[in-house]
C-alpha atoms as a PDB file:
ATOM      1  CA  MET A   1     104.216  89.489  86.277  1.00  0.00           C
ATOM      2  CA  LYS A   2     104.683  91.980  89.088  1.00  0.00           C
ATOM      3  CA  LYS A   3     108.440  91.269  89.250  1.00  0.00           C
ATOM      4  CA  THR A   4     108.852  91.593  85.443  1.00  0.00           C
ATOM      5  CA  LYS A   5     107.137  95.048  85.647  1.00  0.00           C
ATOM      6  CA  THR A   6     109.463  96.070  88.396  1.00  0.00           C
ATOM      7  CA  ILE A   7     112.515  95.040  86.431  1.00  0.00           C
ATOM      8  CA  TYR A   8     111.277  96.856  83.211  1.00  0.00           C
ATOM      9  CA  LEU A   9     110.515  99.990  85.347  1.00  0.00           C
ATOM     10  CA  ALA A  10     114.068  99.788  86.892  1.00  0.00           C
ATOM     11  CA  LEU A  11     115.598  99.370  83.439  1.00  0.00           C
ATOM     12  CA  LEU A  12     113.592 102.200  82.049  1.00  0.00           C
ATOM     13  CA  THR A  13     114.567 104.437  84.892  1.00  0.00           C
ATOM     14  CA  VAL A  14     118.243 103.802  84.177  1.00  0.00           C
ATOM     15  CA  LEU A  15     117.922 104.356  80.531  1.00  0.00           C
ATOM     16  CA  LEU A  16     115.949 107.636  80.966  1.00  0.00           C
ATOM     17  CA  SER A  17     118.809 108.986  83.016  1.00  0.00           C
ATOM     18  CA  PRO A  18     121.314 109.612  80.163  1.00  0.00           C
ATOM     19  CA  MET A  19     124.862 110.225  81.139  1.00  0.00           C
ATOM     20  CA  ALA A  20     126.103 113.699  80.281  1.00  0.00           C
ATOM     21  CA  ALA A  21     128.860 114.356  77.766  1.00  0.00           C
ATOM     22  CA  ASN A  22     130.424 117.578  76.877  1.00  0.00           C
ATOM     23  CA  ALA A  23     131.135 119.012  73.511  1.00  0.00           C
ATOM     24  CA  ASP A  24     134.748 119.934  72.778  1.00  0.00           C
ATOM     25  CA  LEU A  25     137.161 121.224  70.073  1.00  0.00           C
ATOM     26  CA  ILE A  26     139.024 118.033  69.297  1.00  0.00           C
ATOM     27  CA  GLY A  27     138.825 117.039  65.696  1.00  0.00           C
ATOM     28  CA  SER A  28     137.414 120.348  64.550  1.00  0.00           C
ATOM     29  CA  ASN A  29     138.974 122.608  61.935  1.00  0.00           C
ATOM     30  CA  VAL A  30     139.895 126.170  62.903  1.00  0.00           C
ATOM     31  CA  ASP A  31     140.965 129.165  60.908  1.00  0.00           C
ATOM     32  CA  ALA A  32     142.862 131.852  62.858  1.00  0.00           C
ATOM     33  CA  ASN A  33     143.332 135.467  61.877  1.00  0.00           C
ATOM     34  CA  TYR A  34     145.348 137.971  63.738  1.00  0.00           C
ATOM     35  CA  HIS A  35     143.911 141.481  63.600  1.00  0.00           C
ATOM     36  CA  PHE A  36     145.806 144.545  64.435  1.00  0.00           C
ATOM     37  CA  ASP A  37     144.487 148.108  64.838  1.00  0.00           C
ATOM     38  CA  ASP A  38     140.940 147.147  63.832  1.00  0.00           C
ATOM     39  CA  LEU A  39     138.919 143.974  63.480  1.00  0.00           C
ATOM     40  CA  GLY A  40     138.888 144.281  59.697  1.00  0.00           C
ATOM     41  CA  ASP A  41     142.721 144.587  59.473  1.00  0.00           C
ATOM     42  CA  ILE A  42     144.114 140.994  59.226  1.00  0.00           C
ATOM     43  CA  ILE A  43     147.970 140.772  59.344  1.00  0.00           C
ATOM     44  CA  ALA A  44     148.411 136.970  59.782  1.00  0.00           C
ATOM     45  CA  THR A  45     146.434 133.845  59.142  1.00  0.00           C
ATOM     46  CA  GLY A  46     146.570 130.153  59.768  1.00  0.00           C
ATOM     47  CA  SER A  47     144.451 126.975  59.585  1.00  0.00           C
ATOM     48  CA  THR A  48     144.727 123.774  61.528  1.00  0.00           C
ATOM     49  CA  THR A  49     142.770 120.753  62.832  1.00  0.00           C
ATOM     50  CA  VAL A  50     142.545 120.605  66.714  1.00  0.00           C
ATOM     51  CA  SER A  51     144.259 117.360  67.773  1.00  0.00           C
ATOM     52  CA  GLY A  52     146.390 116.031  70.625  1.00  0.00           C
ATOM     53  CA  VAL A  53     149.476 117.952  69.515  1.00  0.00           C
ATOM     54  CA  ILE A  54     150.346 121.679  69.632  1.00  0.00           C
ATOM     55  CA  GLU A  55     148.549 123.328  66.734  1.00  0.00           C
ATOM     56  CA  TRP A  56     150.958 126.269  66.090  1.00  0.00           C
ATOM     57  CA  GLU A  57     154.589 126.668  67.108  1.00  0.00           C
ATOM     58  CA  SER A  58     157.200 129.396  67.108  1.00  0.00           C
ATOM     59  CA  GLY A  59     158.256 130.466  63.612  1.00  0.00           C
ATOM     60  CA  GLU A  60     154.933 130.196  61.903  1.00  0.00           C
ATOM     61  CA  SER A  61     153.485 133.484  60.706  1.00  0.00           C
ATOM     62  CA  ILE A  62     150.326 133.228  62.863  1.00  0.00           C
ATOM     63  CA  MET A  63     152.743 133.393  65.913  1.00  0.00           C
ATOM     64  CA  LEU A  64     153.938 136.970  65.089  1.00  0.00           C
ATOM     65  CA  GLY A  65     157.248 136.438  66.874  1.00  0.00           C
ATOM     66  CA  ILE A  66     155.447 136.697  70.200  1.00  0.00           C
ATOM     67  CA  PHE A  67     154.445 133.161  71.084  1.00  0.00           C
ATOM     68  CA  GLU A  68     156.269 129.896  71.582  1.00  0.00           C
ATOM     69  CA  SER A  69     153.095 128.029  70.824  1.00  0.00           C
ATOM     70  CA  ILE A  70     149.303 128.098  70.682  1.00  0.00           C
ATOM     71  CA  ASP A  71     147.715 124.860  71.760  1.00  0.00           C
ATOM     72  CA  PHE A  72     144.095 123.798  71.760  1.00  0.00           C
ATOM     73  CA  THR A  73     142.738 121.040  74.043  1.00  0.00           C
ATOM     74  CA  GLY A  74     139.085 119.866  74.240  1.00  0.00           C
ATOM     75  CA  SER A  75     138.206 122.915  76.325  1.00  0.00           C
ATOM     76  CA  THR A  76     141.158 125.360  76.437  1.00  0.00           C
ATOM     77  CA  ILE A  77     143.390 127.535  74.343  1.00  0.00           C
ATOM     78  CA  ILE A  78     146.905 127.891  75.689  1.00  0.00           C
ATOM     79  CA  PHE A  79     149.111 130.720  74.611  1.00  0.00           C
ATOM     80  CA  ASP A  80     152.811 130.161  75.589  1.00  0.00           C
ATOM     81  CA  TYR A  81     154.743 133.435  75.219  1.00  0.00           C
ATOM     82  CA  LEU A  82     158.365 133.547  73.988  1.00  0.00           C
ATOM     83  CA  ALA A  83     160.703 134.325  76.969  1.00  0.00           C
ATOM     84  CA  ASP A  84     161.934 137.525  75.250  1.00  0.00           C
ATOM     85  CA  ALA A  85     158.526 138.867  74.195  1.00  0.00           C
ATOM     86  CA  CYS A  86     158.015 142.445  75.343  1.00  0.00           C
ATOM     87  CA  CYS A  87     155.670 145.307  75.721  1.00  0.00           C
ATOM     88  CA  SER A  88     151.889 145.249  75.500  1.00  0.00           C
ATOM     89  CA  TYR A  89     149.194 144.862  72.875  1.00  0.00           C
ATOM     90  CA  ASN A  90     148.720 148.562  72.039  1.00  0.00           C
ATOM     91  CA  THR A  91     146.893 149.959  69.205  1.00  0.00           C
ATOM     92  CA  SER A  92     145.366 153.288  68.315  1.00  0.00           C
ATOM     93  CA  GLY A  93     142.340 151.203  66.861  1.00  0.00           C
ATOM     94  CA  THR A  94     139.808 149.039  68.591  1.00  0.00           C
ATOM     95  CA  TYR A  95     141.172 145.480  68.083  1.00  0.00           C
ATOM     96  CA  ASN A  96     144.498 143.700  68.680  1.00  0.00           C
ATOM     97  CA  GLY A  97     144.087 140.034  68.783  1.00  0.00           C
ATOM     98  CA  TYR A  98     142.779 136.764  67.171  1.00  0.00           C
ATOM     99  CA  THR A  99     139.545 135.464  65.737  1.00  0.00           C
ATOM    100  CA  PHE A 100     139.305 131.696  65.662  1.00  0.00           C
ATOM    101  CA  GLU A 101     136.620 130.424  63.221  1.00  0.00           C
ATOM    102  CA  PHE A 102     135.553 126.820  63.894  1.00  0.00           C
ATOM    103  CA  ASP A 103     133.578 124.396  61.811  1.00  0.00           C
ATOM    104  CA  ALA A 104     129.812 124.994  61.734  1.00  0.00           C
ATOM    105  CA  GLY A 105     128.210 123.793  64.995  1.00  0.00           C
ATOM    106  CA  VAL A 106     131.391 123.330  67.005  1.00  0.00           C
ATOM    107  CA  LEU A 107     130.596 126.116  69.411  1.00  0.00           C
ATOM    108  CA  SER A 108     126.781 125.541  69.512  1.00  0.00           C
ATOM    109  CA  ASP A 109     126.971 124.305  73.093  1.00  0.00           C
ATOM    110  CA  LEU A 110     129.440 126.924  74.291  1.00  0.00           C
ATOM    111  CA  VAL A 111     128.045 128.687  77.407  1.00  0.00           C
ATOM    112  CA  GLY A 112     131.153 130.641  78.563  1.00  0.00           C
ATOM    113  CA  LEU A 113     134.697 131.804  78.061  1.00  0.00           C
ATOM    114  CA  SER A 114     137.188 132.890  80.722  1.00  0.00           C
ATOM    115  CA  PHE A 115     140.953 133.381  81.382  1.00  0.00           C
ATOM    116  CA  ALA A 116     142.307 130.819  83.800  1.00  0.00           C
ATOM    117  CA  ALA A 117     143.600 132.477  86.943  1.00  0.00           C
ATOM    118  CA  ASN A 118     146.339 135.034  86.195  1.00  0.00           C
ATOM    119  CA  ALA A 119     147.886 138.081  87.652  1.00  0.00           C
ATOM    120  CA  TYR A 120     148.779 139.749  84.430  1.00  0.00           C
ATOM    121  CA  GLY A 121     145.815 141.937  83.747  1.00  0.00           C
ATOM    122  CA  TYR A 122     143.955 139.710  81.210  1.00  0.00           C
ATOM    123  CA  VAL A 123     140.223 139.979  81.859  1.00  0.00           C
ATOM    124  CA  ASP A 124     137.237 138.084  80.640  1.00  0.00           C
ATOM    125  CA  SER A 125     135.788 141.107  78.879  1.00  0.00           C
ATOM    126  CA  MET A 126     138.527 140.571  76.314  1.00  0.00           C
ATOM    127  CA  LEU A 127     136.864 137.364  75.279  1.00  0.00           C
ATOM    128  CA  SER A 128     133.581 136.783  73.295  1.00  0.00           C
ATOM    129  CA  TRP A 129     131.976 134.630  70.681  1.00  0.00           C
ATOM    130  CA  SER A 130     129.424 134.798  68.046  1.00  0.00           C
ATOM    131  CA  GLY A 131     128.225 131.677  66.203  1.00  0.00           C
ATOM    132  CA  ASP A 132     131.349 129.569  65.573  1.00  0.00           C
ATOM    133  CA  THR A 133     133.824 132.362  65.982  1.00  0.00           C
ATOM    134  CA  LEU A 134     135.856 133.259  69.135  1.00  0.00           C
ATOM    135  CA  PHE A 135     137.235 136.702  69.554  1.00  0.00           C
ATOM    136  CA  VAL A 136     140.303 137.306  71.676  1.00  0.00           C
ATOM    137  CA  ASN A 137     140.877 141.128  71.870  1.00  0.00           C
ATOM    138  CA  TRP A 138     143.663 141.663  74.350  1.00  0.00           C
ATOM    139  CA  ARG A 139     144.180 145.243  73.398  1.00  0.00           C
ATOM    140  CA  GLY A 140     146.327 146.900  76.185  1.00  0.00           C
ATOM    141  CA  ALA A 141     147.254 143.662  77.953  1.00  0.00           C
ATOM    142  CA  PRO A 142     150.761 143.157  78.964  1.00  0.00           C
ATOM    143  CA  ILE A 143     153.260 140.902  77.142  1.00  0.00           C
ATOM    144  CA  THR A 144     156.554 141.419  79.079  1.00  0.00           C
ATOM    145  CA  ASP A 145     157.260 138.780  81.787  1.00  0.00           C
ATOM    146  CA  VAL A 146     153.954 136.917  80.990  1.00  0.00           C
ATOM    147  CA  PRO A 147     154.845 133.261  80.597  1.00  0.00           C
ATOM    148  CA  GLY A 148     151.531 132.490  79.080  1.00  0.00           C
ATOM    149  CA  VAL A 149     147.751 132.579  79.332  1.00  0.00           C
ATOM    150  CA  THR A 150     145.036 130.010  79.127  1.00  0.00           C
ATOM    151  CA  ILE A 151     141.464 130.620  77.938  1.00  0.00           C
ATOM    152  CA  GLU A 152     138.975 128.112  79.282  1.00  0.00           C
ATOM    153  CA  LEU A 153     135.829 127.247  77.246  1.00  0.00           C
ATOM    154  CA  SER A 154     132.758 126.010  79.094  1.00  0.00           C
ATOM    155  CA  PHE A 155     130.259 123.767  77.157  1.00  0.00           C
ATOM    156  CA  ALA A 156     126.813 122.749  78.184  1.00  0.00           C
ATOM    157  CA  SER A 157     126.267 119.102  78.950  1.00  0.00           C
ATOM    158  CA  VAL A 158     124.587 117.159  76.139  1.00  0.00           C
ATOM    159  CA  PRO A 159     123.037 113.658  76.243  1.00  0.00           C
ATOM    160  CA  GLU A 160     125.494 111.018  75.181  1.00  0.00           C
ATOM    161  CA  PRO A 161     124.439 109.389  71.828  1.00  0.00           C
ATOM    162  CA  GLY A 162     125.165 105.896  73.078  1.00  0.00           C
ATOM    163  CA  THR A 163     122.803 106.291  75.989  1.00  0.00           C
ATOM    164  CA  LEU A 164     120.061 107.469  73.730  1.00  0.00           C
ATOM    165  CA  ALA A 165     120.611 104.426  71.405  1.00  0.00           C
ATOM    166  CA  LEU A 166     120.369 102.188  74.334  1.00  0.00           C
ATOM    167  CA  LEU A 167     117.088 103.785  75.424  1.00  0.00           C
ATOM    168  CA  GLY A 168     115.599 103.312  71.910  1.00  0.00           C
ATOM    169  CA  ILE A 169     116.714  99.638  71.780  1.00  0.00           C
ATOM    170  CA  GLY A 170     115.257  98.999  75.219  1.00  0.00           C
ATOM    171  CA  LEU A 171     111.893 100.507  74.296  1.00  0.00           C
ATOM    172  CA  VAL A 172     111.709  98.518  71.046  1.00  0.00           C
ATOM    173  CA  GLY A 173     112.504  95.368  72.956  1.00  0.00           C
ATOM    174  CA  MET A 174     109.820  96.065  75.578  1.00  0.00           C
ATOM    175  CA  ALA A 175     107.285  96.743  72.852  1.00  0.00           C
ATOM    176  CA  ALA A 176     108.165  93.545  71.026  1.00  0.00           C
ATOM    177  CA  ARG A 177     107.928  91.448  74.100  1.00  0.00           C
ATOM    178  CA  ARG A 178     104.493  92.931  75.030  1.00  0.00           C
ATOM    179  CA  ARG A 179     103.147  92.160  71.504  1.00  0.00           C
ATOM    180  CA  LYS A 180     104.402  88.576  71.831  1.00  0.00           C
ATOM    181  CA  LYS A 181     102.414  88.059  75.010  1.00  0.00           C
ATOM    182  CA  VAL A 182      99.119  89.384  73.502  1.00  0.00           C
END
């Protein structure tokens, strides 16, 4: 009897320590808008589903003749500039950049945004989010001789659904076994 309780206690301890999983962007739909001069002024749009391939490539209107590609991974957005892109993101207004609107709930576990290490003058204050929309306002940032920039998204760890299901099954099994003995 004591050995059985010890086994159940060990099993319960393992099951109550769920493995962590991270949310990510793969499989979500995203609508992109390029804003120039002010946030309300949209000059290009595009929609896609985040997958294992490059989401937008050179020649698509959302690329504005500046980018070779825009690629999303589970937790990054990679902007690859065209080799002959020049100048900087100047505007007399307040906004020159993208908004990325994701499916409802995709960014609910987002805890931070940052540029990967770069020496080009892109700073984290150019990034923000509200609800399921990311804002990339790189007004004044350089374009000339910049090969590309990467934005890193940090998501909070969430319990893995499979682990929680195992916990439930284990507890039901223990309750059924206990009732059988009585």
